[in-house]
Protein backbone atom coordinates (compact mmCIF):
# COMPACT_ATOMS: atom_id res chain seq x y z
CA MET A 1 -3.40 -51.18 -12.49
CA VAL A 2 -5.00 -54.50 -10.91
CA GLU A 3 -7.66 -55.76 -12.90
CA ASN A 4 -7.88 -59.29 -11.21
CA ILE A 5 -7.70 -60.44 -7.59
CA VAL A 6 -6.80 -64.10 -7.04
CA PHE A 7 -7.73 -65.63 -3.48
CA ASP A 8 -6.34 -68.48 -1.67
CA LEU A 9 -9.04 -70.38 0.43
CA GLY A 10 -7.68 -71.72 3.59
CA ARG A 11 -7.03 -69.21 6.21
CA VAL A 12 -8.15 -66.27 3.63
CA LEU A 13 -11.62 -67.05 3.02
CA ILE A 14 -12.27 -70.37 4.93
CA GLN A 15 -11.12 -71.12 8.35
CA TRP A 16 -8.55 -73.97 8.82
CA ASP A 17 -7.18 -74.44 12.13
CA PRO A 18 -6.97 -78.21 12.87
CA TYR A 19 -4.51 -77.58 15.51
CA GLY A 20 -6.53 -75.12 17.56
CA TYR A 21 -9.53 -77.33 17.49
CA MET A 22 -7.41 -80.30 18.53
CA LEU A 23 -5.80 -78.20 21.13
CA LYS A 24 -9.13 -77.77 22.81
CA VAL A 25 -10.58 -81.30 22.42
CA PHE A 26 -7.55 -83.41 23.15
CA GLY A 27 -5.09 -81.40 24.85
CA GLU A 28 -1.47 -80.22 23.97
CA PRO A 29 0.50 -83.55 23.62
CA VAL A 30 -2.10 -85.24 21.36
CA ALA A 31 -2.78 -82.21 19.22
CA THR A 32 0.94 -81.46 18.53
CA PHE A 33 1.56 -85.09 17.62
CA LEU A 34 -1.34 -85.21 15.08
CA ASN A 35 -0.50 -81.80 13.79
CA LYS A 36 3.01 -82.86 12.92
CA ASN A 37 2.42 -86.49 11.78
CA VAL A 38 -1.14 -85.98 10.05
CA PHE A 39 -1.56 -82.39 9.05
CA GLU A 40 1.83 -81.25 8.18
CA THR A 41 3.01 -84.38 6.36
CA LYS A 42 3.93 -85.24 2.55
CA GLU A 43 0.57 -87.47 2.76
CA TRP A 44 -1.56 -84.27 3.25
CA ASN A 45 0.14 -82.65 0.36
CA LEU A 46 -0.66 -85.90 -1.80
CA LEU A 47 -4.35 -85.41 -0.65
CA ASP A 48 -4.15 -81.53 -1.97
CA LYS A 49 -2.55 -82.79 -4.98
CA GLY A 50 -5.12 -85.27 -6.02
CA GLU A 51 -3.00 -88.06 -5.86
CA ILE A 52 -4.60 -90.11 -2.82
CA GLU A 53 -8.13 -90.17 -1.57
CA GLU A 54 -9.40 -88.85 1.82
CA GLU A 55 -10.09 -92.43 2.74
CA GLN A 56 -6.87 -93.62 1.79
CA LEU A 57 -5.25 -91.19 4.00
CA TRP A 58 -7.03 -91.52 7.10
CA GLN A 59 -6.67 -95.44 6.86
CA MET A 60 -2.89 -94.84 6.38
CA MET A 61 -2.66 -92.73 9.46
CA VAL A 62 -4.74 -95.18 11.71
CA GLU A 63 -2.54 -97.92 10.58
CA ARG A 64 0.47 -95.89 11.01
CA PHE A 65 -0.38 -94.66 14.54
CA PRO A 66 -2.68 -97.26 16.15
CA HIS A 67 -2.34 -95.70 19.73
CA TYR A 68 -3.82 -92.65 18.52
CA ALA A 69 -6.51 -94.44 16.24
CA GLU A 70 -9.46 -92.98 18.31
CA TYR A 71 -8.30 -89.39 17.75
CA ILE A 72 -7.71 -89.87 14.30
CA GLU A 73 -10.90 -91.40 13.72
CA HIS A 74 -12.53 -88.20 15.45
CA MET A 75 -10.69 -85.89 13.27
CA LYS A 76 -11.82 -87.81 10.21
CA GLU A 77 -15.37 -87.39 11.20
CA ASN A 78 -15.13 -83.67 12.43
CA VAL A 79 -12.63 -82.27 10.02
CA LEU A 80 -15.14 -80.85 7.42
CA ARG A 81 -16.81 -79.06 10.23
CA LEU A 82 -13.81 -77.02 10.64
CA LEU A 83 -14.01 -75.41 7.22
CA LEU A 84 -16.03 -72.34 8.21
CA PRO A 85 -16.21 -69.09 6.23
CA ILE A 86 -14.11 -66.18 7.41
CA GLU A 87 -17.30 -63.72 7.08
CA GLU A 88 -15.03 -60.57 7.64
CA ASN A 89 -13.26 -61.29 4.41
CA ILE A 90 -16.10 -62.94 2.30
CA ARG A 91 -17.99 -59.44 2.56
CA PHE A 92 -15.53 -57.72 0.38
CA LEU A 93 -16.14 -60.13 -2.56
CA PRO A 94 -19.43 -58.50 -3.73
CA GLN A 95 -17.87 -55.02 -3.48
CA LEU A 96 -14.89 -56.17 -5.45
CA LYS A 97 -16.91 -57.71 -8.24
CA ALA A 98 -19.24 -54.52 -8.20
CA MET A 99 -15.88 -52.56 -8.65
CA GLY A 100 -15.26 -54.53 -11.84
CA TYR A 101 -12.36 -56.80 -10.82
CA LYS A 102 -12.25 -60.18 -12.01
CA LEU A 103 -12.11 -62.72 -9.21
CA TYR A 104 -10.39 -66.09 -9.06
CA VAL A 105 -9.40 -68.71 -6.62
CA LEU A 106 -6.10 -70.48 -6.68
CA SER A 107 -6.07 -73.09 -3.67
CA ASN A 108 -4.57 -75.99 -2.56
CA PHE A 109 -7.54 -78.21 -1.33
CA GLY A 110 -8.52 -81.93 -1.27
CA LYS A 111 -11.38 -83.11 -3.46
CA ASN A 112 -13.64 -83.93 -0.62
CA GLY A 113 -13.13 -80.79 1.34
CA PHE A 114 -13.63 -78.70 -1.56
CA ASN A 115 -16.73 -80.38 -2.82
CA TYR A 116 -18.04 -79.83 0.77
CA ILE A 117 -17.25 -76.12 0.86
CA HIS A 118 -18.34 -75.56 -2.79
CA LYS A 119 -21.77 -77.05 -2.06
CA THR A 120 -22.14 -75.42 1.48
CA TYR A 121 -21.33 -71.81 0.87
CA ASP A 122 -22.65 -69.38 -1.87
CA PHE A 123 -19.72 -66.97 -2.18
CA PHE A 124 -18.27 -69.12 -4.93
CA LYS A 125 -20.86 -67.24 -7.30
CA TYR A 126 -18.52 -64.22 -7.20
CA PHE A 127 -15.63 -65.92 -8.86
CA ASN A 128 -14.86 -65.91 -12.61
CA GLY A 129 -12.80 -69.02 -12.46
CA MET A 130 -10.97 -71.35 -10.17
CA VAL A 131 -8.01 -73.65 -10.10
CA ILE A 132 -7.88 -76.04 -7.05
CA SER A 133 -4.85 -78.28 -6.54
CA SER A 134 -6.39 -81.61 -6.43
CA HIS A 135 -8.26 -80.93 -9.48
CA VAL A 136 -5.38 -80.37 -11.55
CA ASN A 137 -2.65 -82.60 -9.75
CA GLN A 138 -0.60 -79.51 -9.04
CA ILE A 139 0.14 -77.84 -5.78
CA LYS A 140 1.47 -74.26 -4.65
CA PRO A 141 4.09 -72.96 -4.33
CA ASP A 142 5.10 -74.91 -7.49
CA PRO A 143 4.80 -72.07 -10.39
CA GLN A 144 3.20 -74.82 -12.57
CA ILE A 145 -0.19 -74.25 -10.93
CA PHE A 146 0.32 -70.58 -11.27
CA THR A 147 0.92 -71.03 -14.88
CA THR A 148 -2.30 -73.05 -15.07
CA LEU A 149 -4.42 -70.22 -13.83
CA ILE A 150 -2.72 -67.65 -16.00
CA ASP A 151 -3.17 -69.85 -19.27
CA LYS A 152 -6.66 -71.03 -18.31
CA TYR A 153 -8.00 -67.63 -17.58
CA ASN A 154 -5.65 -65.37 -19.53
CA VAL A 155 -4.50 -63.67 -16.48
CA GLU A 156 -1.76 -61.25 -16.81
CA PRO A 157 0.27 -61.44 -13.75
CA THR A 158 1.36 -57.65 -13.50
CA LYS A 159 -2.29 -56.81 -13.44
CA THR A 160 -3.12 -59.28 -10.92
CA LEU A 161 -3.24 -59.09 -6.90
CA PHE A 162 -2.63 -62.55 -5.34
CA ILE A 163 -3.67 -62.96 -1.65
CA ASP A 164 -2.52 -66.07 0.50
CA ASP A 165 -1.44 -66.73 3.96
CA LYS A 166 1.81 -68.78 3.18
CA ALA A 167 5.27 -67.09 2.59
CA GLU A 168 6.48 -69.79 0.00
CA ASN A 169 3.38 -69.22 -2.09
CA ILE A 170 3.65 -65.46 -1.84
CA ARG A 171 7.42 -65.91 -2.78
CA THR A 172 6.55 -67.97 -6.09
CA ALA A 173 3.76 -65.37 -7.01
CA GLN A 174 6.27 -62.32 -6.60
CA GLU A 175 8.67 -64.18 -8.81
CA LEU A 176 6.03 -64.59 -11.49
CA GLY A 177 5.12 -60.96 -11.38
CA PHE A 178 2.13 -60.94 -9.13
CA LYS A 179 1.13 -58.00 -6.88
CA VAL A 180 0.79 -59.77 -3.67
CA ILE A 181 -0.91 -59.54 -0.09
CA HIS A 182 0.63 -61.91 2.44
CA LEU A 183 -2.31 -62.31 4.91
CA GLU A 184 -0.65 -63.35 7.98
CA ASP A 185 -3.54 -62.11 10.13
CA ASN A 186 -6.98 -62.57 8.20
CA SER A 187 -8.41 -59.69 10.25
CA ASN A 188 -6.45 -57.00 8.22
CA LEU A 189 -7.46 -57.52 4.62
CA LYS A 190 -9.71 -54.56 4.56
CA ASP A 191 -6.53 -52.40 5.27
CA GLN A 192 -4.35 -54.13 2.96
CA LEU A 193 -6.90 -54.03 -0.14
CA GLU A 194 -7.55 -50.42 0.53
CA ARG A 195 -3.91 -49.39 0.46
CA LEU A 196 -3.05 -51.57 -2.53
CA LEU A 197 -6.32 -50.80 -4.56
CA GLY A 198 -6.60 -47.26 -3.39
CA LYS A 199 -10.48 -48.14 -2.87
CA LYS A 200 -12.60 -47.65 0.36
CA PHE A 201 -14.84 -50.32 1.47
CA SER A 202 -18.34 -49.76 3.00
CA CYS A 203 -17.69 -52.42 5.78
């Protein structure tokens, strides 16, 4: 029986598609280069882990790729605007709360980005607790950050549903005993929640 539901943020409750944005604004060659060399890098993971600051990361990238400086500066100035709520999924939070589930966040997120969404959007009021990677210097899919959630909030994995968009995070959760939803397409959360929880949602 599920008592707790743990949500990832990016691509589950918050839009995160820098590649799609860059494709529209810069075109395919620049978008592909920046996606590979800025957003899918060990440095970005260090940002999420709280080991470097965002200003450091952008400066590092400008120095490393001076021919792409104007594009990198553009992303630095606009990246927070990409962090929009996925309303079709957020609408389930008050219903889940009213059904008696305890709700948690377990997410890889840099400090600056998380501070922005936490101050901007009010859906965080539905959560009983959160573990954010940059706040604890741990990162998914490392089991350690899952253990931090388990210990901090006394969460029993076998009674907990974990929702994430990345296969490697889902694998770790399954190994630890969580029930899981691998949300490859954020538009089908309703169907998967109803199937796993045996509940019907009004919207």
